[in-house]
Amino acid sequence: MSGESILLRPPRESDVEAAYSWDRDPELAAWNGRSPIRVSLSAARRDYLARWEDRSVKTFIIEAEGGPIGMATLYDFRRGGCELGIKIGPDALRGRGYATEAVELLVEYVFDTLGLENIRGSTLSHNHRMQRVFEKNGFTQVGDGSLLSRYDNRRYTELFYERRRES
């Protein structure tokens, strides 16, 4: 799927090193209430390649500026919809609209190609960038909850968002 500034494409084995660096980034991990991964690159490679082959999950590499800059995942296909997860890896590329464009393409894909009725997402309350991405793409906050972080053993507020297909 092509947008104005990005391309969403299936992951390739050559994307493993980039994905590994993103999952080792403490800032990205903290936004999700997790610790950076600590496994070796070879162990991570086996895990990524297995996950990317899982047909119950749709994973896309976000490509811009000549290379992979992030990853988007559609998963938890139930209740007529699915869950969306997204990350932009390099710090210098965050806040430049790439996530907003990726979510826009994914919403179109979920509704027009997959024929689903809704798409859901969540973010921690301190991740204001992701909240703006959801809002710019027509998502509505539908609730919140408490999350115990495995990263720092603190409680955070998780915000839940949803966008429904327009009738």
C-alpha atoms as a PDB file:
ATOM      1  CA  MET A   1       0.000   0.000   0.000  1.00  0.00           C
ATOM      2  CA  SER A   2       1.389   3.346  -0.996  1.00  0.00           C
ATOM      3  CA  GLY A   3       0.682   6.701   0.518  1.00  0.00           C
ATOM      4  CA  GLU A   4       2.035  10.147  -0.148  1.00  0.00           C
ATOM      5  CA  SER A   5       5.213   9.691   1.935  1.00  0.00           C
ATOM      6  CA  ILE A   6       5.227   6.036   2.955  1.00  0.00           C
ATOM      7  CA  LEU A   7       4.879   2.509   1.717  1.00  0.00           C
ATOM      8  CA  LEU A   8       3.362  -0.329   3.761  1.00  0.00           C
ATOM      9  CA  ARG A   9       4.742  -3.678   2.694  1.00  0.00           C
ATOM     10  CA  PRO A  10       5.160  -7.200   4.072  1.00  0.00           C
ATOM     11  CA  PRO A  11       8.253  -7.692   6.234  1.00  0.00           C
ATOM     12  CA  ARG A  12      11.346  -9.356   4.792  1.00  0.00           C
ATOM     13  CA  GLU A  13      14.220 -11.124   6.470  1.00  0.00           C
ATOM     14  CA  SER A  14      16.355  -8.054   5.720  1.00  0.00           C
ATOM     15  CA  ASP A  15      14.080  -6.059   8.100  1.00  0.00           C
ATOM     16  CA  VAL A  16      15.072  -8.112  11.155  1.00  0.00           C
ATOM     17  CA  GLU A  17      17.967  -5.864  12.229  1.00  0.00           C
ATOM     18  CA  ALA A  18      15.796  -2.732  12.056  1.00  0.00           C
ATOM     19  CA  ALA A  19      12.948  -4.374  14.004  1.00  0.00           C
ATOM     20  CA  TYR A  20      15.453  -5.588  16.581  1.00  0.00           C
ATOM     21  CA  SER A  21      16.846  -2.084  17.077  1.00  0.00           C
ATOM     22  CA  TRP A  22      13.323  -0.689  17.555  1.00  0.00           C
ATOM     23  CA  ASP A  23      12.453  -3.335  20.139  1.00  0.00           C
ATOM     24  CA  ARG A  24      15.658  -2.543  22.045  1.00  0.00           C
ATOM     25  CA  ASP A  25      14.838   1.191  22.193  1.00  0.00           C
ATOM     26  CA  PRO A  26      13.989   2.111  25.826  1.00  0.00           C
ATOM     27  CA  GLU A  27      11.760   5.043  24.801  1.00  0.00           C
ATOM     28  CA  LEU A  28       9.620   2.941  22.451  1.00  0.00           C
ATOM     29  CA  ALA A  29       9.372   0.187  25.057  1.00  0.00           C
ATOM     30  CA  ALA A  30       8.341   2.626  27.792  1.00  0.00           C
ATOM     31  CA  TRP A  31       5.521   4.001  25.618  1.00  0.00           C
ATOM     32  CA  ASN A  32       4.094   0.490  25.690  1.00  0.00           C
ATOM     33  CA  GLY A  33       4.793  -0.224  29.352  1.00  0.00           C
ATOM     34  CA  ARG A  34       7.405  -2.823  28.459  1.00  0.00           C
ATOM     35  CA  SER A  35      11.096  -3.410  28.879  1.00  0.00           C
ATOM     36  CA  PRO A  36      13.367  -3.299  25.848  1.00  0.00           C
ATOM     37  CA  ILE A  37      14.000  -6.820  24.601  1.00  0.00           C
ATOM     38  CA  ARG A  38      17.152  -8.461  25.870  1.00  0.00           C
ATOM     39  CA  VAL A  39      17.402 -11.567  23.698  1.00  0.00           C
ATOM     40  CA  SER A  40      20.195 -12.027  21.172  1.00  0.00           C
ATOM     41  CA  LEU A  41      19.761 -10.968  17.571  1.00  0.00           C
ATOM     42  CA  SER A  42      19.716 -14.618  16.440  1.00  0.00           C
ATOM     43  CA  ALA A  43      16.930 -15.483  18.915  1.00  0.00           C
ATOM     44  CA  ALA A  44      15.008 -12.353  17.906  1.00  0.00           C
ATOM     45  CA  ARG A  45      15.446 -13.265  14.221  1.00  0.00           C
ATOM     46  CA  ARG A  46      13.744 -16.650  14.769  1.00  0.00           C
ATOM     47  CA  ASP A  47      10.911 -14.943  16.682  1.00  0.00           C
ATOM     48  CA  TYR A  48      10.341 -12.194  14.108  1.00  0.00           C
ATOM     49  CA  LEU A  49      10.338 -14.580  11.171  1.00  0.00           C
ATOM     50  CA  ALA A  50       7.877 -16.911  12.928  1.00  0.00           C
ATOM     51  CA  ARG A  51       5.566 -14.023  13.890  1.00  0.00           C
ATOM     52  CA  TRP A  52       5.700 -12.566  10.402  1.00  0.00           C
ATOM     53  CA  GLU A  53       4.524 -15.910   8.996  1.00  0.00           C
ATOM     54  CA  ASP A  54       1.582 -16.126  11.435  1.00  0.00           C
ATOM     55  CA  ARG A  55      -1.557 -15.845   9.305  1.00  0.00           C
ATOM     56  CA  SER A  56      -3.665 -14.663  12.259  1.00  0.00           C
ATOM     57  CA  VAL A  57      -1.624 -11.437  12.314  1.00  0.00           C
ATOM     58  CA  LYS A  58      -0.982  -9.002   9.472  1.00  0.00           C
ATOM     59  CA  THR A  59       2.366  -7.255   9.843  1.00  0.00           C
ATOM     60  CA  PHE A  60       3.584  -4.405   7.656  1.00  0.00           C
ATOM     61  CA  ILE A  61       6.900  -2.610   7.465  1.00  0.00           C
ATOM     62  CA  ILE A  62       6.538   1.155   7.144  1.00  0.00           C
ATOM     63  CA  GLU A  63       9.033   2.368   4.586  1.00  0.00           C
ATOM     64  CA  ALA A  64      10.005   5.999   3.981  1.00  0.00           C
ATOM     65  CA  GLU A  65      13.093   7.943   3.087  1.00  0.00           C
ATOM     66  CA  GLY A  66      14.527   4.914   1.313  1.00  0.00           C
ATOM     67  CA  GLY A  67      14.253   2.309   4.051  1.00  0.00           C
ATOM     68  CA  PRO A  68      12.255   0.741   6.880  1.00  0.00           C
ATOM     69  CA  ILE A  69      11.259   3.245   9.563  1.00  0.00           C
ATOM     70  CA  GLY A  70       8.618   1.358  11.521  1.00  0.00           C
ATOM     71  CA  MET A  71       6.174  -1.477  11.812  1.00  0.00           C
ATOM     72  CA  ALA A  72       2.394  -1.757  11.909  1.00  0.00           C
ATOM     73  CA  THR A  73       0.412  -4.806  12.952  1.00  0.00           C
ATOM     74  CA  LEU A  74      -3.237  -5.809  12.673  1.00  0.00           C
ATOM     75  CA  TYR A  75      -4.212  -8.539  15.128  1.00  0.00           C
ATOM     76  CA  ASP A  76      -6.948  -9.783  17.470  1.00  0.00           C
ATOM     77  CA  PHE A  77      -9.462 -10.267  14.678  1.00  0.00           C
ATOM     78  CA  ARG A  78     -12.797 -10.583  16.477  1.00  0.00           C
ATOM     79  CA  ARG A  79     -16.090  -8.753  17.053  1.00  0.00           C
ATOM     80  CA  GLY A  80     -16.128  -7.707  13.383  1.00  0.00           C
ATOM     81  CA  GLY A  81     -12.851  -5.845  13.650  1.00  0.00           C
ATOM     82  CA  CYS A  82      -9.230  -5.930  14.663  1.00  0.00           C
ATOM     83  CA  GLU A  83      -6.633  -4.240  16.846  1.00  0.00           C
ATOM     84  CA  LEU A  84      -3.940  -1.949  15.465  1.00  0.00           C
ATOM     85  CA  GLY A  85      -0.389  -1.581  16.756  1.00  0.00           C
ATOM     86  CA  ILE A  86       2.216   0.761  15.298  1.00  0.00           C
ATOM     87  CA  LYS A  87       5.697   2.065  15.997  1.00  0.00           C
ATOM     88  CA  ILE A  88       8.072   4.453  14.293  1.00  0.00           C
ATOM     89  CA  GLY A  89      11.619   3.381  15.085  1.00  0.00           C
ATOM     90  CA  PRO A  90      14.194   6.122  14.541  1.00  0.00           C
ATOM     91  CA  ASP A  91      13.735   8.976  17.008  1.00  0.00           C
ATOM     92  CA  ALA A  92      14.522  11.575  14.339  1.00  0.00           C
ATOM     93  CA  LEU A  93      11.571  10.334  12.249  1.00  0.00           C
ATOM     94  CA  ARG A  94       8.950  10.467  15.009  1.00  0.00           C
ATOM     95  CA  GLY A  95       6.482  13.331  14.975  1.00  0.00           C
ATOM     96  CA  ARG A  96       6.733  13.839  11.202  1.00  0.00           C
ATOM     97  CA  GLY A  97       3.339  12.425  10.210  1.00  0.00           C
ATOM     98  CA  TYR A  98       4.459   8.956   9.138  1.00  0.00           C
ATOM     99  CA  ALA A  99       2.354   7.166  11.770  1.00  0.00           C
ATOM    100  CA  THR A 100      -0.696   9.260  10.883  1.00  0.00           C
ATOM    101  CA  GLU A 101      -0.326   8.318   7.223  1.00  0.00           C
ATOM    102  CA  ALA A 102       0.266   4.649   8.045  1.00  0.00           C
ATOM    103  CA  VAL A 103      -2.875   4.489  10.190  1.00  0.00           C
ATOM    104  CA  GLU A 104      -4.854   6.198   7.426  1.00  0.00           C
ATOM    105  CA  LEU A 105      -3.740   3.505   4.955  1.00  0.00           C
ATOM    106  CA  LEU A 106      -4.476   0.724   7.449  1.00  0.00           C
ATOM    107  CA  VAL A 107      -7.983   2.033   8.178  1.00  0.00           C
ATOM    108  CA  GLU A 108      -8.719   2.016   4.454  1.00  0.00           C
ATOM    109  CA  TYR A 109      -7.311  -1.523   4.167  1.00  0.00           C
ATOM    110  CA  VAL A 110      -9.325  -2.811   7.141  1.00  0.00           C
ATOM    111  CA  PHE A 111     -12.606  -1.380   5.847  1.00  0.00           C
ATOM    112  CA  ASP A 112     -12.234  -1.667   2.069  1.00  0.00           C
ATOM    113  CA  THR A 113     -10.072  -4.773   1.598  1.00  0.00           C
ATOM    114  CA  LEU A 114     -10.800  -6.866   4.685  1.00  0.00           C
ATOM    115  CA  GLY A 115     -14.430  -5.708   4.937  1.00  0.00           C
ATOM    116  CA  LEU A 116     -14.312  -5.314   8.715  1.00  0.00           C
ATOM    117  CA  GLU A 117     -16.627  -3.030  10.667  1.00  0.00           C
ATOM    118  CA  ASN A 118     -14.233  -1.535  13.234  1.00  0.00           C
ATOM    119  CA  ILE A 119     -10.617  -1.028  14.098  1.00  0.00           C
ATOM    120  CA  ARG A 120      -9.388  -0.668  17.670  1.00  0.00           C
ATOM    121  CA  GLY A 121      -6.220   0.662  19.222  1.00  0.00           C
ATOM    122  CA  SER A 122      -4.811   1.657  22.562  1.00  0.00           C
ATOM    123  CA  THR A 123      -2.018   3.767  23.961  1.00  0.00           C
ATOM    124  CA  LEU A 124      -0.788   4.847  27.350  1.00  0.00           C
ATOM    125  CA  SER A 125      -2.051   8.200  28.572  1.00  0.00           C
ATOM    126  CA  HIS A 126       1.415   9.780  28.395  1.00  0.00           C
ATOM    127  CA  ASN A 127       1.802   8.924  24.685  1.00  0.00           C
ATOM    128  CA  HIS A 128       0.281  12.141  23.350  1.00  0.00           C
ATOM    129  CA  ARG A 129       1.673  11.552  19.853  1.00  0.00           C
ATOM    130  CA  MET A 130      -0.301   8.335  19.415  1.00  0.00           C
ATOM    131  CA  GLN A 131      -3.415   9.957  20.832  1.00  0.00           C
ATOM    132  CA  ARG A 132      -3.128  12.647  18.115  1.00  0.00           C
ATOM    133  CA  VAL A 133      -2.609   9.957  15.444  1.00  0.00           C
ATOM    134  CA  PHE A 134      -5.832   8.245  16.508  1.00  0.00           C
ATOM    135  CA  GLU A 135      -7.760  11.524  16.649  1.00  0.00           C
ATOM    136  CA  LYS A 136      -6.501  12.688  13.220  1.00  0.00           C
ATOM    137  CA  ASN A 137      -7.726   9.399  11.771  1.00  0.00           C
ATOM    138  CA  GLY A 138     -11.249   9.660  13.159  1.00  0.00           C
ATOM    139  CA  PHE A 139     -10.882   7.330  16.136  1.00  0.00           C
ATOM    140  CA  THR A 140     -12.938   7.988  19.243  1.00  0.00           C
ATOM    141  CA  GLN A 141     -11.741   7.282  22.762  1.00  0.00           C
ATOM    142  CA  VAL A 142     -14.074   4.583  24.070  1.00  0.00           C
ATOM    143  CA  GLY A 143     -12.635   3.943  27.522  1.00  0.00           C
ATOM    144  CA  ASP A 144      -9.604   3.566  29.699  1.00  0.00           C
ATOM    145  CA  GLY A 145      -8.107   1.128  32.113  1.00  0.00           C
ATOM    146  CA  SER A 146      -5.213   0.532  34.433  1.00  0.00           C
ATOM    147  CA  LEU A 147      -2.120  -1.280  33.219  1.00  0.00           C
ATOM    148  CA  LEU A 148       0.653  -2.645  35.407  1.00  0.00           C
ATOM    149  CA  SER A 149       3.904  -2.089  33.530  1.00  0.00           C
ATOM    150  CA  ARG A 150       6.320  -4.974  33.270  1.00  0.00           C
ATOM    151  CA  TYR A 151       8.956  -2.346  32.515  1.00  0.00           C
ATOM    152  CA  ASP A 152       8.993  -0.421  35.780  1.00  0.00           C
ATOM    153  CA  ASN A 153       6.275  -2.123  37.870  1.00  0.00           C
ATOM    154  CA  ARG A 154       4.178   1.080  37.877  1.00  0.00           C
ATOM    155  CA  ARG A 155       0.517   1.530  37.052  1.00  0.00           C
ATOM    156  CA  TYR A 156      -0.368   3.497  33.957  1.00  0.00           C
ATOM    157  CA  THR A 157      -3.631   4.536  32.387  1.00  0.00           C
ATOM    158  CA  GLU A 158      -4.261   2.888  29.039  1.00  0.00           C
ATOM    159  CA  LEU A 159      -6.623   4.702  26.666  1.00  0.00           C
ATOM    160  CA  PHE A 160      -8.769   2.663  24.273  1.00  0.00           C
ATOM    161  CA  TYR A 161      -9.767   3.967  20.855  1.00  0.00           C
ATOM    162  CA  GLU A 162     -12.070   2.725  18.124  1.00  0.00           C
ATOM    163  CA  ARG A 163     -13.121   3.732  14.664  1.00  0.00           C
ATOM    164  CA  ARG A 164     -16.210   2.274  13.070  1.00  0.00           C
ATOM    165  CA  ARG A 165     -16.893   1.948   9.379  1.00  0.00           C
ATOM    166  CA  GLU A 166     -19.058   4.771   8.136  1.00  0.00           C
ATOM    167  CA  SER A 167     -22.455   3.610   6.908  1.00  0.00           C
END
